[in-house]
């Protein structure tokens, strides 16, 4: 069963549009399906930046005595000493 979807507007480059048309012509899969799959990939890639359930226990401290931060999170850049 399909979930309810909302309508939105996106802007793609002419090259992206052409490639999506070719992909649709070859597979008969609607372009919107590919766009939703792409959004899912981006959301999965950046899941560590999205709010979620907090763990019940505190993570162990890192080598400098503070909790480990995930690489790529804002504020986690390493500074030269």
PDB file of N, CA and C in Angstrom:
ATOM      1  N   UNK A   1       0.847  -1.175   0.000  1.00  0.00           N
ATOM      2  CA  UNK A   1       0.000   0.000   0.000  1.00  0.00           C
ATOM      3  C   UNK A   1       0.894   1.241   0.000  1.00  0.00           C
ATOM      4  N   UNK A   2       0.517   2.230  -0.767  1.00  0.00           N
ATOM      5  CA  UNK A   2       1.288   3.449  -0.897  1.00  0.00           C
ATOM      6  C   UNK A   2       0.930   4.436   0.216  1.00  0.00           C
ATOM      7  N   UNK A   3       1.953   5.113   0.739  1.00  0.00           N
ATOM      8  CA  UNK A   3       1.720   6.134   1.763  1.00  0.00           C
ATOM      9  C   UNK A   3       1.328   7.429   1.087  1.00  0.00           C
ATOM     10  N   UNK A   4       0.598   8.265   1.816  1.00  0.00           N
ATOM     11  CA  UNK A   4       0.206   9.575   1.292  1.00  0.00           C
ATOM     12  C   UNK A   4       1.449  10.427   1.069  1.00  0.00           C
ATOM     13  N   UNK A   5       1.465  11.155  -0.023  1.00  0.00           N
ATOM     14  CA  UNK A   5       2.599  12.001  -0.355  1.00  0.00           C
ATOM     15  C   UNK A   5       2.154  13.448  -0.470  1.00  0.00           C
ATOM     16  N   UNK A   6       3.088  14.355  -0.244  1.00  0.00           N
ATOM     17  CA  UNK A   6       2.786  15.773  -0.409  1.00  0.00           C
ATOM     18  C   UNK A   6       3.456  16.254  -1.691  1.00  0.00           C
ATOM     19  N   UNK A   7       2.902  17.270  -2.268  1.00  0.00           N
ATOM     20  CA  UNK A   7       3.450  17.843  -3.487  1.00  0.00           C
ATOM     21  C   UNK A   7       4.439  18.939  -3.126  1.00  0.00           C
ATOM     22  N   UNK A   8       5.538  18.983  -3.857  1.00  0.00           N
ATOM     23  CA  UNK A   8       6.532  20.019  -3.661  1.00  0.00           C
ATOM     24  C   UNK A   8       7.173  20.334  -5.012  1.00  0.00           C
ATOM     25  N   UNK A   9       7.853  21.444  -5.081  1.00  0.00           N
ATOM     26  CA  UNK A   9       8.534  21.843  -6.306  1.00  0.00           C
ATOM     27  C   UNK A   9      10.034  21.759  -6.087  1.00  0.00           C
ATOM     28  N   UNK A  10      10.744  21.169  -7.037  1.00  0.00           N
ATOM     29  CA  UNK A  10      12.199  21.140  -6.988  1.00  0.00           C
ATOM     30  C   UNK A  10      12.724  21.678  -8.307  1.00  0.00           C
ATOM     31  N   UNK A  11      13.958  22.110  -8.301  1.00  0.00           N
ATOM     32  CA  UNK A  11      14.611  22.587  -9.507  1.00  0.00           C
ATOM     33  C   UNK A  11      15.792  21.677  -9.786  1.00  0.00           C
ATOM     34  N   UNK A  12      15.865  21.160 -10.999  1.00  0.00           N
ATOM     35  CA  UNK A  12      16.978  20.325 -11.417  1.00  0.00           C
ATOM     36  C   UNK A  12      17.647  20.991 -12.617  1.00  0.00           C
ATOM     37  N   UNK A  13      18.885  20.611 -12.858  1.00  0.00           N
ATOM     38  CA  UNK A  13      19.583  21.149 -14.020  1.00  0.00           C
ATOM     39  C   UNK A  13      19.021  20.491 -15.280  1.00  0.00           C
ATOM     40  N   UNK A  14      19.217  21.117 -16.429  1.00  0.00           N
ATOM     41  CA  UNK A  14      18.765  20.479 -17.671  1.00  0.00           C
ATOM     42  C   UNK A  14      19.391  19.094 -17.879  1.00  0.00           C
ATOM     43  N   UNK A  15      20.652  18.927 -17.470  1.00  0.00           N
ATOM     44  CA  UNK A  15      21.316  17.626 -17.608  1.00  0.00           C
ATOM     45  C   UNK A  15      20.661  16.575 -16.710  1.00  0.00           C
ATOM     46  N   UNK A  16      20.349  16.959 -15.472  1.00  0.00           N
ATOM     47  CA  UNK A  16      19.664  16.024 -14.574  1.00  0.00           C
ATOM     48  C   UNK A  16      18.302  15.645 -15.139  1.00  0.00           C
ATOM     49  N   UNK A  17      17.587  16.620 -15.660  1.00  0.00           N
ATOM     50  CA  UNK A  17      16.272  16.370 -16.226  1.00  0.00           C
ATOM     51  C   UNK A  17      16.359  15.389 -17.393  1.00  0.00           C
ATOM     52  N   UNK A  18      17.322  15.603 -18.270  1.00  0.00           N
ATOM     53  CA  UNK A  18      17.483  14.722 -19.430  1.00  0.00           C
ATOM     54  C   UNK A  18      17.833  13.300 -19.002  1.00  0.00           C
ATOM     55  N   UNK A  19      18.744  13.176 -18.029  1.00  0.00           N
ATOM     56  CA  UNK A  19      19.120  11.843 -17.553  1.00  0.00           C
ATOM     57  C   UNK A  19      17.957  11.139 -16.869  1.00  0.00           C
ATOM     58  N   UNK A  20      17.155  11.884 -16.114  1.00  0.00           N
ATOM     59  CA  UNK A  20      15.982  11.281 -15.483  1.00  0.00           C
ATOM     60  C   UNK A  20      14.971  10.820 -16.527  1.00  0.00           C
ATOM     61  N   UNK A  21      14.811  11.592 -17.607  1.00  0.00           N
ATOM     62  CA  UNK A  21      13.897  11.197 -18.686  1.00  0.00           C
ATOM     63  C   UNK A  21      14.369   9.911 -19.354  1.00  0.00           C
ATOM     64  N   UNK A  22      15.676   9.825 -19.626  1.00  0.00           N
ATOM     65  CA  UNK A  22      16.227   8.611 -20.247  1.00  0.00           C
ATOM     66  C   UNK A  22      16.040   7.421 -19.317  1.00  0.00           C
ATOM     67  N   UNK A  23      16.318   7.618 -18.039  1.00  0.00           N
ATOM     68  CA  UNK A  23      16.147   6.541 -17.059  1.00  0.00           C
ATOM     69  C   UNK A  23      14.691   6.082 -17.020  1.00  0.00           C
ATOM     70  N   UNK A  24      13.773   7.022 -17.031  1.00  0.00           N
ATOM     71  CA  UNK A  24      12.344   6.673 -17.044  1.00  0.00           C
ATOM     72  C   UNK A  24      11.974   5.915 -18.320  1.00  0.00           C
ATOM     73  N   UNK A  25      12.456   6.384 -19.457  1.00  0.00           N
ATOM     74  CA  UNK A  25      12.146   5.717 -20.729  1.00  0.00           C
ATOM     75  C   UNK A  25      12.634   4.274 -20.745  1.00  0.00           C
ATOM     76  N   UNK A  26      13.784   4.040 -20.136  1.00  0.00           N
ATOM     77  CA  UNK A  26      14.364   2.681 -20.139  1.00  0.00           C
ATOM     78  C   UNK A  26      13.751   1.767 -19.085  1.00  0.00           C
ATOM     79  N   UNK A  27      13.341   2.336 -17.973  1.00  0.00           N
ATOM     80  CA  UNK A  27      12.863   1.493 -16.860  1.00  0.00           C
ATOM     81  C   UNK A  27      11.366   1.572 -16.629  1.00  0.00           C
ATOM     82  N   UNK A  28      10.726   2.611 -17.147  1.00  0.00           N
ATOM     83  CA  UNK A  28       9.292   2.884 -16.920  1.00  0.00           C
ATOM     84  C   UNK A  28       8.977   3.170 -15.456  1.00  0.00           C
ATOM     85  N   UNK A  29       9.999   3.496 -14.670  1.00  0.00           N
ATOM     86  CA  UNK A  29       9.820   3.894 -13.274  1.00  0.00           C
ATOM     87  C   UNK A  29       9.621   5.405 -13.269  1.00  0.00           C
ATOM     88  N   UNK A  30       8.589   5.906 -12.575  1.00  0.00           N
ATOM     89  CA  UNK A  30       8.352   7.348 -12.547  1.00  0.00           C
ATOM     90  C   UNK A  30       9.550   8.121 -11.983  1.00  0.00           C
ATOM     91  N   UNK A  31       9.795   9.288 -12.556  1.00  0.00           N
ATOM     92  CA  UNK A  31      10.885  10.150 -12.101  1.00  0.00           C
ATOM     93  C   UNK A  31      10.759  10.457 -10.620  1.00  0.00           C
ATOM     94  N   UNK A  32       9.548  10.654 -10.134  1.00  0.00           N
ATOM     95  CA  UNK A  32       9.334  10.977  -8.716  1.00  0.00           C
ATOM     96  C   UNK A  32       9.885   9.883  -7.806  1.00  0.00           C
ATOM     97  N   UNK A  33       9.831   8.631  -8.245  1.00  0.00           N
ATOM     98  CA  UNK A  33      10.371   7.524  -7.439  1.00  0.00           C
ATOM     99  C   UNK A  33      11.871   7.696  -7.284  1.00  0.00           C
ATOM    100  N   UNK A  34      12.560   8.025  -8.381  1.00  0.00           N
ATOM    101  CA  UNK A  34      14.006   8.231  -8.304  1.00  0.00           C
ATOM    102  C   UNK A  34      14.356   9.427  -7.419  1.00  0.00           C
ATOM    103  N   UNK A  35      13.576  10.471  -7.497  1.00  0.00           N
ATOM    104  CA  UNK A  35      13.829  11.654  -6.664  1.00  0.00           C
ATOM    105  C   UNK A  35      13.639  11.300  -5.187  1.00  0.00           C
ATOM    106  N   UNK A  36      12.570  10.561  -4.858  1.00  0.00           N
ATOM    107  CA  UNK A  36      12.362  10.146  -3.461  1.00  0.00           C
ATOM    108  C   UNK A  36      13.492   9.242  -2.980  1.00  0.00           C
ATOM    109  N   UNK A  37      13.973   8.338  -3.846  1.00  0.00           N
ATOM    110  CA  UNK A  37      15.094   7.472  -3.474  1.00  0.00           C
ATOM    111  C   UNK A  37      16.348   8.309  -3.202  1.00  0.00           C
ATOM    112  N   UNK A  38      16.568   9.337  -4.028  1.00  0.00           N
ATOM    113  CA  UNK A  38      17.713  10.215  -3.812  1.00  0.00           C
ATOM    114  C   UNK A  38      17.614  10.958  -2.493  1.00  0.00           C
ATOM    115  N   UNK A  39      16.430  11.420  -2.161  1.00  0.00           N
ATOM    116  CA  UNK A  39      16.222  12.101  -0.882  1.00  0.00           C
ATOM    117  C   UNK A  39      16.489  11.139   0.268  1.00  0.00           C
ATOM    118  N   UNK A  40      16.021   9.896   0.144  1.00  0.00           N
ATOM    119  CA  UNK A  40      16.285   8.895   1.187  1.00  0.00           C
ATOM    120  C   UNK A  40      17.781   8.664   1.375  1.00  0.00           C
ATOM    121  N   UNK A  41      18.537   8.624   0.269  1.00  0.00           N
ATOM    122  CA  UNK A  41      19.994   8.443   0.368  1.00  0.00           C
ATOM    123  C   UNK A  41      20.644   9.604   1.113  1.00  0.00           C
ATOM    124  N   UNK A  42      20.237  10.828   0.807  1.00  0.00           N
ATOM    125  CA  UNK A  42      20.795  12.008   1.473  1.00  0.00           C
ATOM    126  C   UNK A  42      20.431  11.995   2.959  1.00  0.00           C
ATOM    127  N   UNK A  43      19.190  11.683   3.273  1.00  0.00           N
ATOM    128  CA  UNK A  43      18.776  11.645   4.680  1.00  0.00           C
ATOM    129  C   UNK A  43      19.522  10.568   5.453  1.00  0.00           C
ATOM    130  N   UNK A  44      19.773   9.430   4.831  1.00  0.00           N
ATOM    131  CA  UNK A  44      20.528   8.369   5.493  1.00  0.00           C
ATOM    132  C   UNK A  44      21.976   8.819   5.708  1.00  0.00           C
ATOM    133  N   UNK A  45      22.561   9.498   4.715  1.00  0.00           N
ATOM    134  CA  UNK A  45      23.938   9.970   4.812  1.00  0.00           C
ATOM    135  C   UNK A  45      24.110  10.988   5.945  1.00  0.00           C
ATOM    136  N   UNK A  46      23.119  11.850   6.136  1.00  0.00           N
ATOM    137  CA  UNK A  46      23.194  12.902   7.144  1.00  0.00           C
ATOM    138  C   UNK A  46      22.361  12.591   8.386  1.00  0.00           C
ATOM    139  N   UNK A  47      22.032  11.338   8.603  1.00  0.00           N
ATOM    140  CA  UNK A  47      21.203  10.956   9.748  1.00  0.00           C
ATOM    141  C   UNK A  47      21.816  11.394  11.079  1.00  0.00           C
ATOM    142  N   UNK A  48      23.148  11.423  11.155  1.00  0.00           N
ATOM    143  CA  UNK A  48      23.807  11.809  12.405  1.00  0.00           C
ATOM    144  C   UNK A  48      23.560  13.277  12.761  1.00  0.00           C
ATOM    145  N   UNK A  49      23.091  14.066  11.806  1.00  0.00           N
ATOM    146  CA  UNK A  49      22.789  15.471  12.078  1.00  0.00           C
ATOM    147  C   UNK A  49      21.318  15.697  12.425  1.00  0.00           C
ATOM    148  N   UNK A  50      20.511  14.659  12.280  1.00  0.00           N
ATOM    149  CA  UNK A  50      19.079  14.773  12.561  1.00  0.00           C
ATOM    150  C   UNK A  50      18.797  14.387  14.009  1.00  0.00           C
ATOM    151  N   UNK A  51      17.759  14.985  14.592  1.00  0.00           N
ATOM    152  CA  UNK A  51      17.419  14.607  15.970  1.00  0.00           C
ATOM    153  C   UNK A  51      16.947  13.169  16.016  1.00  0.00           C
ATOM    154  N   UNK A  52      17.220  12.542  17.121  1.00  0.00           N
ATOM    155  CA  UNK A  52      16.810  11.150  17.300  1.00  0.00           C
ATOM    156  C   UNK A  52      16.692  10.854  18.776  1.00  0.00           C
ATOM    157  N   UNK A  53      16.462   9.608  19.079  1.00  0.00           N
ATOM    158  CA  UNK A  53      16.341   9.201  20.467  1.00  0.00           C
ATOM    159  C   UNK A  53      17.715   9.214  21.116  1.00  0.00           C
ATOM    160  N   UNK A  54      17.814   9.794  22.305  1.00  0.00           N
ATOM    161  CA  UNK A  54      19.072   9.848  23.029  1.00  0.00           C
ATOM    162  C   UNK A  54      19.350   8.507  23.688  1.00  0.00           C
ATOM    163  N   UNK A  55      20.619   8.109  23.771  1.00  0.00           N
ATOM    164  CA  UNK A  55      20.939   6.841  24.440  1.00  0.00           C
ATOM    165  C   UNK A  55      20.690   6.956  25.944  1.00  0.00           C
ATOM    166  N   UNK A  56      20.428   5.832  26.591  1.00  0.00           N
ATOM    167  CA  UNK A  56      20.178   5.820  28.030  1.00  0.00           C
ATOM    168  C   UNK A  56      21.474   5.958  28.822  1.00  0.00           C
ATOM    169  N   UNK A  57      22.597   5.590  28.206  1.00  0.00           N
ATOM    170  CA  UNK A  57      23.881   5.710  28.892  1.00  0.00           C
ATOM    171  C   UNK A  57      24.745   6.709  28.157  1.00  0.00           C
ATOM    172  N   UNK A  58      25.670   7.303  28.880  1.00  0.00           N
ATOM    173  CA  UNK A  58      26.579   8.286  28.292  1.00  0.00           C
ATOM    174  C   UNK A  58      27.691   7.531  27.562  1.00  0.00           C
ATOM    175  N   UNK A  59      28.067   7.974  26.337  1.00  0.00           N
ATOM    176  CA  UNK A  59      29.153   7.286  25.638  1.00  0.00           C
ATOM    177  C   UNK A  59      30.465   7.450  26.391  1.00  0.00           C
ATOM    178  N   UNK A  60      31.381   6.476  26.240  1.00  0.00           N
ATOM    179  CA  UNK A  60      32.656   6.583  26.963  1.00  0.00           C
ATOM    180  C   UNK A  60      33.447   7.781  26.460  1.00  0.00           C
ATOM    181  N   UNK A  61      34.257   8.394  27.352  1.00  0.00           N
ATOM    182  CA  UNK A  61      35.036   9.565  26.931  1.00  0.00           C
ATOM    183  C   UNK A  61      36.090   9.171  25.903  1.00  0.00           C
ATOM    184  N   UNK A  62      36.413  10.118  25.038  1.00  0.00           N
ATOM    185  CA  UNK A  62      37.436   9.907  24.025  1.00  0.00           C
ATOM    186  C   UNK A  62      38.822  10.059  24.628  1.00  0.00           C
ATOM    187  N   UNK A  63      39.837  10.046  23.790  1.00  0.00           N
ATOM    188  CA  UNK A  63      41.215  10.100  24.299  1.00  0.00           C
ATOM    189  C   UNK A  63      41.560  11.414  25.001  1.00  0.00           C
ATOM    190  N   UNK A  64      40.818  12.470  24.737  1.00  0.00           N
ATOM    191  CA  UNK A  64      41.106  13.755  25.376  1.00  0.00           C
ATOM    192  C   UNK A  64      40.164  14.013  26.552  1.00  0.00           C
ATOM    193  N   UNK A  65      39.461  12.981  27.017  1.00  0.00           N
ATOM    194  CA  UNK A  65      38.619  13.129  28.189  1.00  0.00           C
ATOM    195  C   UNK A  65      37.231  13.663  27.915  1.00  0.00           C
ATOM    196  N   UNK A  66      36.844  13.757  26.636  1.00  0.00           N
ATOM    197  CA  UNK A  66      35.492  14.202  26.335  1.00  0.00           C
ATOM    198  C   UNK A  66      34.831  13.164  25.444  1.00  0.00           C
ATOM    199  N   UNK A  67      33.535  13.232  25.340  1.00  0.00           N
ATOM    200  CA  UNK A  67      32.809  12.272  24.535  1.00  0.00           C
ATOM    201  C   UNK A  67      33.233  12.382  23.084  1.00  0.00           C
ATOM    202  N   UNK A  68      33.253  11.238  22.421  1.00  0.00           N
ATOM    203  CA  UNK A  68      33.616  11.209  21.002  1.00  0.00           C
ATOM    204  C   UNK A  68      32.563  11.932  20.184  1.00  0.00           C
ATOM    205  N   UNK A  69      32.987  12.790  19.284  1.00  0.00           N
ATOM    206  CA  UNK A  69      32.075  13.448  18.349  1.00  0.00           C
ATOM    207  C   UNK A  69      32.204  12.750  17.011  1.00  0.00           C
ATOM    208  N   UNK A  70      31.133  12.696  16.287  1.00  0.00           N
ATOM    209  CA  UNK A  70      31.173  12.088  14.965  1.00  0.00           C
ATOM    210  C   UNK A  70      31.906  13.004  14.004  1.00  0.00           C
ATOM    211  N   UNK A  71      32.710  12.400  13.153  1.00  0.00           N
ATOM    212  CA  UNK A  71      33.435  13.181  12.165  1.00  0.00           C
ATOM    213  C   UNK A  71      32.447  13.865  11.237  1.00  0.00           C
ATOM    214  N   UNK A  72      32.713  15.118  10.937  1.00  0.00           N
ATOM    215  CA  UNK A  72      31.853  15.855  10.031  1.00  0.00           C
ATOM    216  C   UNK A  72      30.761  16.651  10.721  1.00  0.00           C
ATOM    217  N   UNK A  73      30.559  16.451  12.031  1.00  0.00           N
ATOM    218  CA  UNK A  73      29.555  17.241  12.733  1.00  0.00           C
ATOM    219  C   UNK A  73      30.089  18.650  12.922  1.00  0.00           C
ATOM    220  N   UNK A  74      29.219  19.643  12.888  1.00  0.00           N
ATOM    221  CA  UNK A  74      29.669  21.014  13.135  1.00  0.00           C
ATOM    222  C   UNK A  74      30.358  21.110  14.492  1.00  0.00           C
ATOM    223  N   UNK A  75      31.452  21.849  14.521  1.00  0.00           N
ATOM    224  CA  UNK A  75      32.168  22.026  15.781  1.00  0.00           C
ATOM    225  C   UNK A  75      33.144  20.916  16.087  1.00  0.00           C
ATOM    226  N   UNK A  76      33.335  19.961  15.148  1.00  0.00           N
ATOM    227  CA  UNK A  76      34.231  18.847  15.424  1.00  0.00           C
ATOM    228  C   UNK A  76      35.543  18.946  14.649  1.00  0.00           C
ATOM    229  N   UNK A  77      35.792  20.102  14.033  1.00  0.00           N
ATOM    230  CA  UNK A  77      37.013  20.249  13.276  1.00  0.00           C
ATOM    231  C   UNK A  77      38.201  20.178  14.229  1.00  0.00           C
ATOM    232  N   UNK A  78      39.244  19.522  13.780  1.00  0.00           N
ATOM    233  CA  UNK A  78      40.448  19.442  14.607  1.00  0.00           C
ATOM    234  C   UNK A  78      41.299  20.671  14.332  1.00  0.00           C
ATOM    235  N   UNK A  79      41.804  21.256  15.384  1.00  0.00           N
ATOM    236  CA  UNK A  79      42.656  22.427  15.266  1.00  0.00           C
ATOM    237  C   UNK A  79      44.107  22.017  15.396  1.00  0.00           C
ATOM    238  N   UNK A  80      44.978  22.661  14.633  1.00  0.00           N
ATOM    239  CA  UNK A  80      46.409  22.418  14.745  1.00  0.00           C
ATOM    240  C   UNK A  80      46.915  23.003  16.050  1.00  0.00           C
ATOM    241  N   UNK A  81      47.801  22.287  16.739  1.00  0.00           N
ATOM    242  CA  UNK A  81      48.355  22.771  18.005  1.00  0.00           C
ATOM    243  C   UNK A  81      49.651  23.470  17.780  1.00  0.00           C
TER     244      UNK A  81
END
